[in-house]
Structures are given as C-alpha cells and as structure tokens.
Amino acid sequence: MRATKIVFVGAGSSDFGPRVIADVVTNPAMKGSTLSLVDVDAAGLELIDRLARRMNEEWGGGLTIESSVDRREALPEAEFVVVMFEVEREKRWRMDYEIPLKYGLRQPLAENGGPGAFAHAARNIPHVLGVCKDMRELCAEAWFFNFTNPVPRITLTAHRYGGVKAAGFCHGIEIGLRRVSALLGVPREDLDIKAAGLNHFTWVLDVRRKSTGEDLYGALRQRLDDWPEGYDPLTREVFADFGVFPVIGGSHMAEYLPWVCDPQTKPWAKYGLELYDWEAGEAGREGKWQKIRDQVAGGESIDDYRRGSGERAIAVVEALVADGNSFELAMNVPNDGSISNLPQGAIVEVPAVVSGMGISAVSVGELAGPIAELCRRQIVVAELGVEAAVKGDRGTALQALLLDPMITDIEQARGILDGYLKAHGDLLPQFG
C-alpha cells in the first residue's frame, strides 16, 4: 500500500487516543505513512506524542509521527482527518442530565438521544465547522472520519454544512454480534448479521450461520420464550413487541425511547438502566494519565494497547488507499437510498463496501414500518438540532426539543432549552 497521511484531531485523550493510535501502529499496511496528532491541550498532547513514538519504536510501526496544537499546521497533504474530541466531557455531560431533571425529565443517559443530545452536539459543532473550514482550504479531498458523539449529528454537520466527505464510526455492531452469539450459543466467528437504522438505534435484519448459510432469525425469536433472567429486559420487550432485534441493547436504545424517562414511575429501575458515573469517569481519566506518564518514562509496559480500539476507521483507511474492497458491517453515511423508507441525506448506519472508489453503502431495502417511524422521528429531531446549532437559531432549537418524544410539555421544552443555553453559554457562541 502506498503511504498516506492521517491527522487525529483530539488526540490528547488518555483513553481513546492511545488505542486508536495503536490501530495505526500495529497495522503493517500503514508503514511509511504519517500520523499527525493534534490537540489544544499542549501538556496532554506532549504525553500522547511521546507514547505514540514509543509504540512506533517498540512495535516497528515504521510511521512518521508528528504533533501540533495548531491543526492548520497538520492538515496540508492529509488524506484522512479523524475527529475524536469532546469539550469538558464529564462536567458538561452531567449538566445535560441535571438541567432537565428540574423540569420533570429524567433522561436515560443524556448523551446521544433526548434533549441532552442537542446540548452535546451544539457544544461540539462550532469546532467541527472550524475543522471543516480548514480542511476545505488545506486538504479539500480528505475524508472527515468521525468518532465524536452524537455520531449522526456530528457526521451530518460535516457532510451537510462543512462541505467535506464524511463518515462516522461506532463499534456497536460488534456488541450486537456478541449479544446474538450469546443468545443463540453460536460462536461469533460463525455468525453473520445484517443490520441497519441509526447509530445506537440499529436493527438486525438478517442472522445467518456462516458455515452453513442457515437462517437463524427464527431461532433468535424463539429465545424470547426462555430469555435469560435479568438479561436486558428492555431489549426483550422491544423485540417481542416489534418483532425486530435491536442491535446495541437497552442502555443505548433507551436514549431514543420515551417509555423509560418518567421520574415518578421510575421505569428505568424495571429495565436495569444505570446512569453514567461521572465521578468515576473523571477519577478514571486521571488514573489513565498517570499510567501514561509512567509509560512514557519507560517504567510500565505498553502492550495493553495492542488490542486496539475495536473501531474500523484504520481498516477503512487501508481499504480506500489500497483498493481493498472491504465489506464493513456498519458505517454512518448519508442515506442515498440504502434504507428506502428513511429520508434521503439523513445519516444512517448501514453496511458498506469500501474500495478505491470510495465508500458505497449497501442497499438494505425497507425497515419494518413501525421501526422506520421510530427512526424517522429521531432523524427529524437530529436534523433540526444540527441546523439550530449551526445557525444559532433558538426557535429551531425549540422545535427540535418539542419534537423529541421524551418531551411532554411546551413549557418543559422551553425551560430545558433556556437552561442549556444559559449553563453552556460560554461554549455556544453561535447563540450569542
């Protein structure tokens, strides 16, 4: 494979950054390529740069490693720009959860769905548009590969408003494969599934045993009669009521459903849905930074990173550069008829073929009618939220919240929006 240049924007992460860097360093096809690390946190970036160089040296990666706090220095000649930043992750996420509580809404996670998804995306969108602007000037043909949540909203921003080629990534399909494998008692390596829908809201369309071609969907439905006790009861109920298996499980799926967010009846307890532990997240992040400090000082092994991130972005890079004709089980791309009963141009999660020609989404036909309707509402909410965040339009933002199925009252929506705009005002310059 010829050499390429990959820029990681937001590389100064103590958790995800090192694992995605390991994806590049351990891939033999990347030898001779350039990996450029970018982050506004100079101290964090210096540590990650030193860690990457140690990986490259010890594992024989054969890469050229660069780093800069100025992305414009890194972008010229880039073919791939991988975006993976968050703005004050735990602190702001917790605010996204707590503000709606004042208005009688308990969101299951407040990260990718519900009103919290609006605030989460809106904070990141100005930075995304800045990256896209620089890409248009400095590497106009490069791909924008997105890991930042909410994946559909950030990918839509780059594609529709940023003017760049964009695709989003999530390892949820692998979680789905493991879940189906456990339920059926069939080894994951002998399973093939086809799934489609929206990120964190995808649905299994087909399940087969690779070795025989046997259709296993009927066997999966039969498992409803002897579902393991305590195992993801929300998935079981949705599967039983709609007849389609949700890929990623109740904890993420709940972000898109209105039936689990009533603080009075506490339905989340019935389904075993736990909140994110913000304190543990912050404490764990500092622990990971200390580990990295020890590793760059040479006192601790780095071999744990060899298992990589579990994401497919670097495999897709290889397939694009080397015309690999790779079949990807799930990619987040604009809908160009791949799901025929969802809106054109919406960011959908579907299988795709990746080659030198680009990323070609596979046509999966129609989703079941009720499932398509659940997805359509989320598409409208997401697209209005993105439009509002791009333009700084409070009226459009309010419409996005009013259409969110978790919202049950106009004054509730107004209160939540005002609370978000006030609390996050320093990070939402587009709203004035």
Protein backbone atom coordinates (compact mmCIF):
# COMPACT_ATOMS: atom_id res chain seq x y z
CA MET A 1 0.00 0.00 0.00
CA ARG A 2 1.25 3.50 -0.76
CA ALA A 3 1.94 5.86 2.13
CA THR A 4 -0.79 8.20 3.31
CA LYS A 5 -1.23 10.92 5.92
CA ILE A 6 -3.72 10.67 8.78
CA VAL A 7 -4.47 13.53 11.16
CA PHE A 8 -6.03 12.81 14.56
CA VAL A 9 -7.85 15.90 15.88
CA GLY A 10 -8.40 15.50 19.61
CA ALA A 11 -5.54 13.04 20.03
CA GLY A 12 -4.77 14.25 23.56
CA SER A 13 -7.08 11.73 25.17
CA SER A 14 -5.98 9.41 27.96
CA ASP A 15 -8.31 6.61 26.90
CA PHE A 16 -9.45 6.57 23.28
CA GLY A 17 -6.42 8.35 21.79
CA PRO A 18 -3.78 5.72 22.64
CA ARG A 19 -5.99 2.86 21.50
CA VAL A 20 -6.73 4.41 18.09
CA ILE A 21 -3.04 5.27 17.69
CA ALA A 22 -2.32 1.59 18.34
CA ASP A 23 -4.70 0.72 15.48
CA VAL A 24 -2.39 2.62 13.13
CA VAL A 25 0.94 1.48 14.56
CA THR A 26 0.03 -2.22 14.58
CA ASN A 27 -1.35 -2.22 11.02
CA PRO A 28 1.51 -3.33 8.68
CA ALA A 29 -0.15 -1.57 5.73
CA MET A 30 0.45 1.79 7.42
CA LYS A 31 4.26 1.52 7.32
CA GLY A 32 5.78 4.61 5.70
CA SER A 33 2.71 6.73 6.41
CA THR A 34 2.49 9.89 8.52
CA LEU A 35 0.42 10.14 11.67
CA SER A 36 -0.14 13.72 12.81
CA LEU A 37 -1.51 14.27 16.32
CA VAL A 38 -3.44 17.47 17.13
CA ASP A 39 -4.91 18.74 20.39
CA VAL A 40 -5.34 22.13 22.03
CA ASP A 41 -4.17 20.66 25.35
CA ALA A 42 -0.40 21.04 24.93
CA ALA A 43 0.51 19.05 28.04
CA GLY A 44 -1.76 16.13 27.17
CA LEU A 45 -0.63 16.18 23.56
CA GLU A 46 3.04 16.01 24.57
CA LEU A 47 2.38 12.86 26.61
CA ILE A 48 0.39 11.21 23.81
CA ASP A 49 3.08 12.16 21.27
CA ARG A 50 5.75 10.50 23.42
CA LEU A 51 3.55 7.43 23.92
CA ALA A 52 2.92 7.16 20.17
CA ARG A 53 6.63 7.39 19.45
CA ARG A 54 7.33 4.62 21.95
CA MET A 55 4.68 2.41 20.31
CA ASN A 56 6.13 3.15 16.89
CA GLU A 57 9.67 2.28 18.00
CA GLU A 58 8.92 -0.83 20.08
CA TRP A 59 6.38 -2.33 17.70
CA GLY A 60 8.19 -1.48 14.46
CA GLY A 61 5.37 0.67 13.13
CA GLY A 62 7.54 2.43 10.55
CA LEU A 63 5.47 5.61 10.82
CA THR A 64 6.44 9.26 10.82
CA ILE A 65 4.91 10.77 13.98
CA GLU A 66 4.13 14.49 14.17
CA SER A 67 2.19 16.60 16.65
CA SER A 68 0.91 20.17 16.87
CA VAL A 69 -1.51 22.27 18.89
CA ASP A 70 -2.39 24.04 15.62
CA ARG A 71 -4.40 21.83 13.29
CA ARG A 72 -3.64 24.07 10.31
CA GLU A 73 -0.01 23.02 10.61
CA ALA A 74 -1.05 19.37 10.42
CA LEU A 75 -3.73 19.40 7.70
CA PRO A 76 -1.76 20.05 4.47
CA GLU A 77 -1.43 16.82 2.43
CA ALA A 78 -3.74 14.92 4.79
CA GLU A 79 -5.98 12.31 3.19
CA PHE A 80 -7.84 11.41 6.38
CA VAL A 81 -8.84 13.64 9.27
CA VAL A 82 -10.09 11.61 12.25
CA VAL A 83 -12.09 13.71 14.72
CA MET A 84 -12.45 12.49 18.30
CA PHE A 85 -12.74 15.45 20.65
CA GLU A 86 -15.12 16.28 23.49
CA VAL A 87 -15.49 19.58 25.29
CA GLU A 88 -15.22 19.14 29.10
CA ARG A 89 -16.81 15.71 28.77
CA GLU A 90 -17.89 14.64 32.29
CA LYS A 91 -18.63 18.12 33.61
CA ARG A 92 -20.86 19.18 30.72
CA TRP A 93 -22.50 15.77 30.29
CA ARG A 94 -23.62 15.84 33.90
CA MET A 95 -25.14 19.28 33.35
CA ASP A 96 -27.00 17.92 30.31
CA TYR A 97 -28.58 15.34 32.61
CA GLU A 98 -29.28 17.52 35.64
CA ILE A 99 -30.91 20.52 33.93
CA PRO A 100 -33.91 18.55 32.52
CA LEU A 101 -34.42 16.96 35.94
CA LYS A 102 -35.57 20.40 37.15
CA TYR A 103 -38.40 20.19 34.62
CA GLY A 104 -39.50 16.62 35.37
CA LEU A 105 -37.47 14.74 32.75
CA ARG A 106 -35.00 12.00 33.65
CA GLN A 107 -33.01 11.04 30.57
CA PRO A 108 -31.53 7.54 30.46
CA LEU A 109 -28.07 8.84 29.50
CA ALA A 110 -28.40 12.37 28.08
CA GLU A 111 -25.55 11.79 25.62
CA ASN A 112 -26.80 10.72 22.18
CA GLY A 113 -30.57 10.99 22.40
CA GLY A 114 -33.14 13.11 24.20
CA PRO A 115 -32.60 16.82 24.91
CA GLY A 116 -29.06 16.11 26.13
CA ALA A 117 -28.07 15.14 22.59
CA PHE A 118 -28.91 18.65 21.42
CA ALA A 119 -26.65 20.30 24.01
CA HIS A 120 -23.92 17.71 23.50
CA ALA A 121 -23.83 18.23 19.73
CA ALA A 122 -24.23 22.00 19.91
CA ARG A 123 -21.07 22.35 22.02
CA ASN A 124 -19.01 20.38 19.52
CA ILE A 125 -20.48 21.76 16.30
CA PRO A 126 -18.56 25.10 16.21
CA HIS A 127 -15.30 23.16 16.49
CA VAL A 128 -16.41 20.67 13.83
CA LEU A 129 -17.23 23.51 11.43
CA GLY A 130 -13.81 25.02 12.14
CA VAL A 131 -12.09 21.75 11.25
CA CYS A 132 -14.15 21.50 8.06
CA LYS A 133 -13.31 25.07 7.04
CA ASP A 134 -9.59 24.37 7.44
CA MET A 135 -9.96 21.10 5.53
CA ARG A 136 -11.60 22.86 2.59
CA GLU A 137 -8.65 25.26 2.45
CA LEU A 138 -5.78 22.87 3.16
CA CYS A 139 -6.83 19.31 2.19
CA ALA A 140 -10.07 19.59 0.27
CA GLU A 141 -10.12 15.95 -0.91
CA ALA A 142 -9.54 14.46 2.55
CA TRP A 143 -12.10 12.33 4.35
CA PHE A 144 -13.60 13.53 7.65
CA PHE A 145 -13.87 10.41 9.84
CA ASN A 146 -15.92 11.00 12.97
CA PHE A 147 -15.80 9.31 16.37
CA THR A 148 -17.32 12.23 18.30
CA ASN A 149 -20.78 11.69 19.77
CA PRO A 150 -23.57 12.08 18.90
CA VAL A 151 -22.17 10.38 15.80
CA PRO A 152 -25.09 11.06 13.40
CA ARG A 153 -25.32 14.75 14.32
CA ILE A 154 -21.60 15.45 14.08
CA THR A 155 -21.28 13.47 10.83
CA LEU A 156 -24.29 15.32 9.40
CA THR A 157 -22.69 18.65 10.36
CA ALA A 158 -19.51 17.83 8.47
CA HIS A 159 -21.34 16.46 5.44
CA ARG A 160 -24.19 18.96 5.03
CA TYR A 161 -22.73 22.16 6.47
CA GLY A 162 -18.98 21.53 6.49
CA GLY A 163 -18.67 20.72 2.79
CA VAL A 164 -16.37 17.70 3.23
CA LYS A 165 -16.61 13.98 2.60
CA ALA A 166 -17.72 12.48 5.90
CA ALA A 167 -18.37 9.12 7.53
CA GLY A 168 -18.95 8.13 11.15
CA PHE A 169 -17.79 5.10 13.13
CA CYS A 170 -19.11 3.10 16.06
CA HIS A 171 -18.31 -0.41 17.31
CA GLY A 172 -21.94 -1.08 18.28
CA ILE A 173 -22.30 -3.73 15.59
CA GLU A 174 -19.62 -5.80 17.34
CA ILE A 175 -21.58 -5.52 20.58
CA GLY A 176 -24.63 -6.75 18.67
CA LEU A 177 -22.73 -9.71 17.26
CA ARG A 178 -21.59 -10.76 20.72
CA ARG A 179 -25.13 -10.41 22.08
CA VAL A 180 -26.64 -12.54 19.32
CA SER A 181 -23.83 -15.07 19.70
CA ALA A 182 -24.53 -15.41 23.43
CA LEU A 183 -28.29 -15.74 22.96
CA LEU A 184 -28.00 -18.37 20.21
CA GLY A 185 -24.98 -20.21 21.56
CA VAL A 186 -23.28 -19.87 18.16
CA PRO A 187 -19.63 -18.72 18.03
CA ARG A 188 -19.31 -15.08 16.97
CA GLU A 189 -16.89 -16.15 14.20
CA ASP A 190 -19.64 -18.32 12.67
CA LEU A 191 -22.29 -15.59 12.71
CA ASP A 192 -23.19 -13.08 10.04
CA ILE A 193 -25.69 -10.34 10.69
CA LYS A 194 -27.03 -7.55 8.52
CA ALA A 195 -28.30 -4.54 10.42
CA ALA A 196 -29.47 -1.03 9.61
CA GLY A 197 -31.01 2.05 11.17
CA LEU A 198 -29.40 4.91 13.09
CA ASN A 199 -26.32 4.91 15.30
CA HIS A 200 -27.16 3.30 18.66
CA PHE A 201 -30.62 2.62 17.19
CA THR A 202 -29.87 -0.10 14.63
CA TRP A 203 -31.92 -3.20 13.99
CA VAL A 204 -30.95 -6.72 12.95
CA LEU A 205 -32.46 -7.53 9.56
CA ASP A 206 -30.87 -10.92 8.97
CA VAL A 207 -28.94 -13.52 11.04
CA ARG A 208 -27.15 -16.48 9.45
CA ARG A 209 -24.63 -19.15 10.32
CA LYS A 210 -21.62 -18.59 8.08
CA SER A 211 -20.61 -22.23 7.85
CA THR A 212 -23.98 -23.46 6.58
CA GLY A 213 -25.93 -20.38 5.44
CA GLU A 214 -28.72 -21.36 7.86
CA ASP A 215 -31.20 -18.57 8.65
CA LEU A 216 -31.16 -18.13 12.44
CA TYR A 217 -33.66 -15.30 12.89
CA GLY A 218 -36.42 -17.73 13.79
CA ALA A 219 -34.19 -19.31 16.43
CA LEU A 220 -33.46 -15.85 17.82
CA ARG A 221 -37.19 -15.14 18.13
CA GLN A 222 -37.70 -18.47 19.90
CA ARG A 223 -35.27 -17.29 22.57
CA LEU A 224 -37.97 -14.85 23.71
CA ASP A 225 -39.69 -17.78 25.46
CA ASP A 226 -36.63 -18.59 27.58
CA TRP A 227 -34.87 -15.22 27.71
CA PRO A 228 -32.09 -15.30 30.32
CA GLU A 229 -33.37 -13.92 33.62
CA GLY A 230 -32.15 -10.36 34.23
CA TYR A 231 -30.62 -10.10 30.73
CA ASP A 232 -31.53 -6.77 29.09
CA PRO A 233 -35.31 -6.75 29.70
CA LEU A 234 -35.85 -3.64 27.56
CA THR A 235 -34.39 -5.38 24.51
CA ARG A 236 -36.61 -8.38 25.18
CA GLU A 237 -39.77 -6.27 25.36
CA VAL A 238 -38.95 -4.22 22.25
CA PHE A 239 -38.04 -7.40 20.34
CA ALA A 240 -41.28 -9.08 21.45
CA ASP A 241 -43.49 -6.09 20.64
CA PHE A 242 -41.92 -5.00 17.33
CA GLY A 243 -40.56 -8.33 16.09
CA VAL A 244 -37.14 -6.87 15.22
CA PHE A 245 -34.00 -7.35 17.31
CA PRO A 246 -32.29 -4.08 18.40
CA VAL A 247 -28.53 -4.34 17.92
CA ILE A 248 -26.88 -2.48 20.76
CA GLY A 249 -29.10 -3.12 23.78
CA GLY A 250 -31.33 -1.27 26.19
CA SER A 251 -28.81 1.12 27.73
CA HIS A 252 -28.23 2.95 24.43
CA MET A 253 -31.59 2.25 22.78
CA ALA A 254 -33.34 3.86 25.77
CA GLU A 255 -31.94 7.24 24.72
CA TYR A 256 -34.33 7.26 21.76
CA LEU A 257 -37.48 5.97 23.50
CA PRO A 258 -39.96 7.95 25.65
CA TRP A 259 -41.07 4.99 27.78
CA VAL A 260 -38.21 4.96 30.29
CA CYS A 261 -37.80 8.57 31.46
CA ASP A 262 -40.66 9.27 33.90
CA PRO A 263 -39.19 10.27 37.31
CA GLN A 264 -42.48 9.40 39.04
CA THR A 265 -42.95 5.79 37.90
CA LYS A 266 -39.19 5.10 37.62
CA PRO A 267 -39.44 2.64 34.70
CA TRP A 268 -35.65 2.58 34.32
CA ALA A 269 -35.45 0.52 37.51
CA LYS A 270 -37.59 -2.18 35.87
CA TYR A 271 -35.16 -2.34 32.97
CA GLY A 272 -31.96 -2.08 34.99
CA LEU A 273 -30.80 1.08 33.22
CA GLU A 274 -27.94 2.73 35.08
CA LEU A 275 -26.62 6.26 34.71
CA TYR A 276 -23.11 7.08 33.70
CA ASP A 277 -20.89 7.51 36.76
CA TRP A 278 -19.41 10.96 36.21
CA GLU A 279 -17.21 10.94 39.31
CA ALA A 280 -15.74 7.55 38.40
CA GLY A 281 -15.21 8.75 34.84
CA GLU A 282 -13.21 11.76 36.00
CA ALA A 283 -11.21 9.74 38.51
CA GLY A 284 -10.52 7.03 35.97
CA ARG A 285 -9.29 9.59 33.46
CA GLU A 286 -6.69 10.92 35.90
CA GLY A 287 -5.60 7.38 36.67
CA LYS A 288 -5.07 6.75 32.97
CA TRP A 289 -2.99 9.91 32.65
CA GLN A 290 -0.75 8.74 35.47
CA LYS A 291 -0.33 5.41 33.73
CA ILE A 292 0.68 7.22 30.52
CA ARG A 293 3.21 9.31 32.45
CA ASP A 294 4.74 6.08 33.75
CA GLN A 295 4.73 4.57 30.27
CA VAL A 296 6.47 7.47 28.55
CA ALA A 297 9.05 7.42 31.33
CA GLY A 298 9.72 3.81 30.34
CA GLY A 299 8.65 2.26 33.62
CA GLU A 300 5.48 0.46 32.50
CA SER A 301 4.58 -1.84 29.62
CA ILE A 302 2.51 -0.52 26.73
CA ASP A 303 1.42 -3.92 25.45
CA ASP A 304 -2.18 -3.48 26.70
CA TYR A 305 -2.75 -1.03 23.85
CA ARG A 306 -2.02 -3.70 21.25
CA ARG A 307 -5.63 -4.87 21.36
CA GLY A 308 -6.54 -1.52 19.78
CA SER A 309 -9.78 0.39 19.89
CA GLY A 310 -12.16 -2.12 18.31
CA GLU A 311 -13.07 0.55 15.75
CA ARG A 312 -12.79 0.12 11.98
CA ALA A 313 -11.53 3.53 10.86
CA ILE A 314 -7.95 2.44 10.09
CA ALA A 315 -9.16 -0.68 8.27
CA VAL A 316 -11.31 1.63 6.15
CA VAL A 317 -8.31 3.89 5.52
CA GLU A 318 -6.39 0.85 4.27
CA ALA A 319 -9.26 -0.25 2.01
CA LEU A 320 -9.61 3.24 0.48
CA VAL A 321 -5.90 3.71 -0.15
CA ALA A 322 -5.15 0.15 -1.32
CA ASP A 323 -8.46 -0.54 -3.10
CA GLY A 324 -9.16 -3.24 -0.57
CA ASN A 325 -12.81 -3.95 -1.44
CA SER A 326 -13.57 -4.35 2.26
CA PHE A 327 -17.08 -5.19 3.44
CA GLU A 328 -17.93 -3.20 6.56
CA LEU A 329 -20.82 -4.35 8.72
CA ALA A 330 -21.73 -0.81 9.78
CA MET A 331 -20.83 2.71 8.73
CA ASN A 332 -22.57 6.03 9.34
CA VAL A 333 -23.05 7.68 5.96
CA PRO A 334 -25.63 9.86 4.16
CA ASN A 335 -28.67 7.88 3.06
CA ASP A 336 -28.62 7.59 -0.72
CA GLY A 337 -31.43 5.07 -0.97
CA SER A 338 -29.74 2.44 1.18
CA ILE A 339 -32.75 2.48 3.52
CA SER A 340 -35.56 3.19 1.11
CA ASN A 341 -38.16 4.34 3.65
CA LEU A 342 -35.93 6.79 5.53
CA PRO A 343 -35.22 10.35 4.31
CA GLN A 344 -32.57 10.93 1.67
CA GLY A 345 -29.45 12.58 3.03
CA ALA A 346 -30.05 11.55 6.65
CA ILE A 347 -27.08 9.92 8.36
CA VAL A 348 -27.90 6.22 8.60
CA GLU A 349 -25.91 3.25 9.87
CA VAL A 350 -25.73 0.56 7.20
CA PRO A 351 -23.31 -2.00 5.75
CA ALA A 352 -20.91 -0.64 3.14
CA VAL A 353 -18.28 -1.72 0.63
CA VAL A 354 -15.03 0.28 0.78
CA SER A 355 -12.63 0.41 -2.16
CA GLY A 356 -10.54 2.84 -4.14
CA MET A 357 -13.82 4.22 -5.50
CA GLY A 358 -14.86 5.33 -2.03
CA ILE A 359 -17.47 4.20 0.50
CA SER A 360 -20.51 2.61 -1.12
CA ALA A 361 -23.43 1.96 1.21
CA VAL A 362 -25.29 -1.30 0.67
CA SER A 363 -28.99 -1.10 -0.14
CA VAL A 364 -30.96 -2.98 2.53
CA GLY A 365 -34.44 -2.04 1.31
CA GLU A 366 -37.14 -1.01 3.78
CA LEU A 367 -37.13 -1.17 7.54
CA ALA A 368 -40.27 -2.58 9.13
CA GLY A 369 -42.89 0.19 9.17
CA PRO A 370 -43.01 0.85 12.95
CA ILE A 371 -39.21 0.71 13.20
CA ALA A 372 -38.88 3.17 10.31
CA GLU A 373 -41.28 5.51 12.09
CA LEU A 374 -39.22 5.40 15.29
CA CYS A 375 -36.12 6.23 13.24
CA ARG A 376 -37.81 8.97 11.19
CA ARG A 377 -38.73 10.94 14.29
CA GLN A 378 -35.13 10.77 15.52
CA ILE A 379 -33.85 11.92 12.13
CA VAL A 380 -36.11 15.00 12.20
CA VAL A 381 -35.10 15.82 15.79
CA ALA A 382 -31.39 15.42 14.97
CA GLU A 383 -31.52 17.44 11.76
CA LEU A 384 -33.38 20.32 13.41
CA GLY A 385 -30.94 20.26 16.32
CA VAL A 386 -27.96 20.41 13.97
CA GLU A 387 -29.50 23.22 11.92
CA ALA A 388 -30.17 25.19 15.10
CA ALA A 389 -26.62 24.67 16.38
CA VAL A 390 -25.06 25.64 13.05
CA LYS A 391 -27.15 28.80 12.68
CA GLY A 392 -27.50 29.70 16.35
CA ASP A 393 -31.29 29.73 15.96
CA ARG A 394 -33.17 29.40 19.25
CA GLY A 395 -36.53 28.91 17.51
CA THR A 396 -35.28 25.92 15.56
CA ALA A 397 -33.67 24.52 18.70
CA LEU A 398 -37.01 24.75 20.50
CA GLN A 399 -38.72 22.93 17.63
CA ALA A 400 -36.12 20.17 17.88
CA LEU A 401 -36.91 19.71 21.57
CA LEU A 402 -40.67 19.89 21.05
CA LEU A 403 -40.45 17.06 18.52
CA ASP A 404 -38.30 14.92 20.80
CA PRO A 405 -40.50 12.04 22.03
CA MET A 406 -39.16 12.45 25.59
CA ILE A 407 -40.63 15.96 25.85
CA THR A 408 -44.24 16.03 27.08
CA ASP A 409 -44.91 19.74 27.62
CA ILE A 410 -44.16 23.02 25.80
CA GLU A 411 -43.05 24.81 28.95
CA GLN A 412 -40.83 21.85 29.80
CA ALA A 413 -39.09 22.23 26.44
CA ARG A 414 -38.67 25.99 26.87
CA GLY A 415 -37.26 25.58 30.36
CA ILE A 416 -34.77 22.91 29.32
CA LEU A 417 -33.60 24.93 26.32
CA ASP A 418 -33.17 28.11 28.36
CA GLY A 419 -31.31 26.11 30.99
CA TYR A 420 -28.94 24.65 28.43
CA LEU A 421 -28.26 27.96 26.68
CA LYS A 422 -27.52 29.65 29.98
CA ALA A 423 -25.41 26.86 31.51
CA HIS A 424 -23.36 26.22 28.36
CA GLY A 425 -23.36 29.79 27.05
CA ASP A 426 -19.57 30.01 27.16
CA LEU A 427 -19.38 27.10 24.71
CA LEU A 428 -22.29 28.14 22.49
CA PRO A 429 -21.10 31.36 20.84
CA GLN A 430 -23.40 30.78 17.87
CA PHE A 431 -26.42 31.55 20.11
CA GLY A 432 -24.98 34.90 21.14
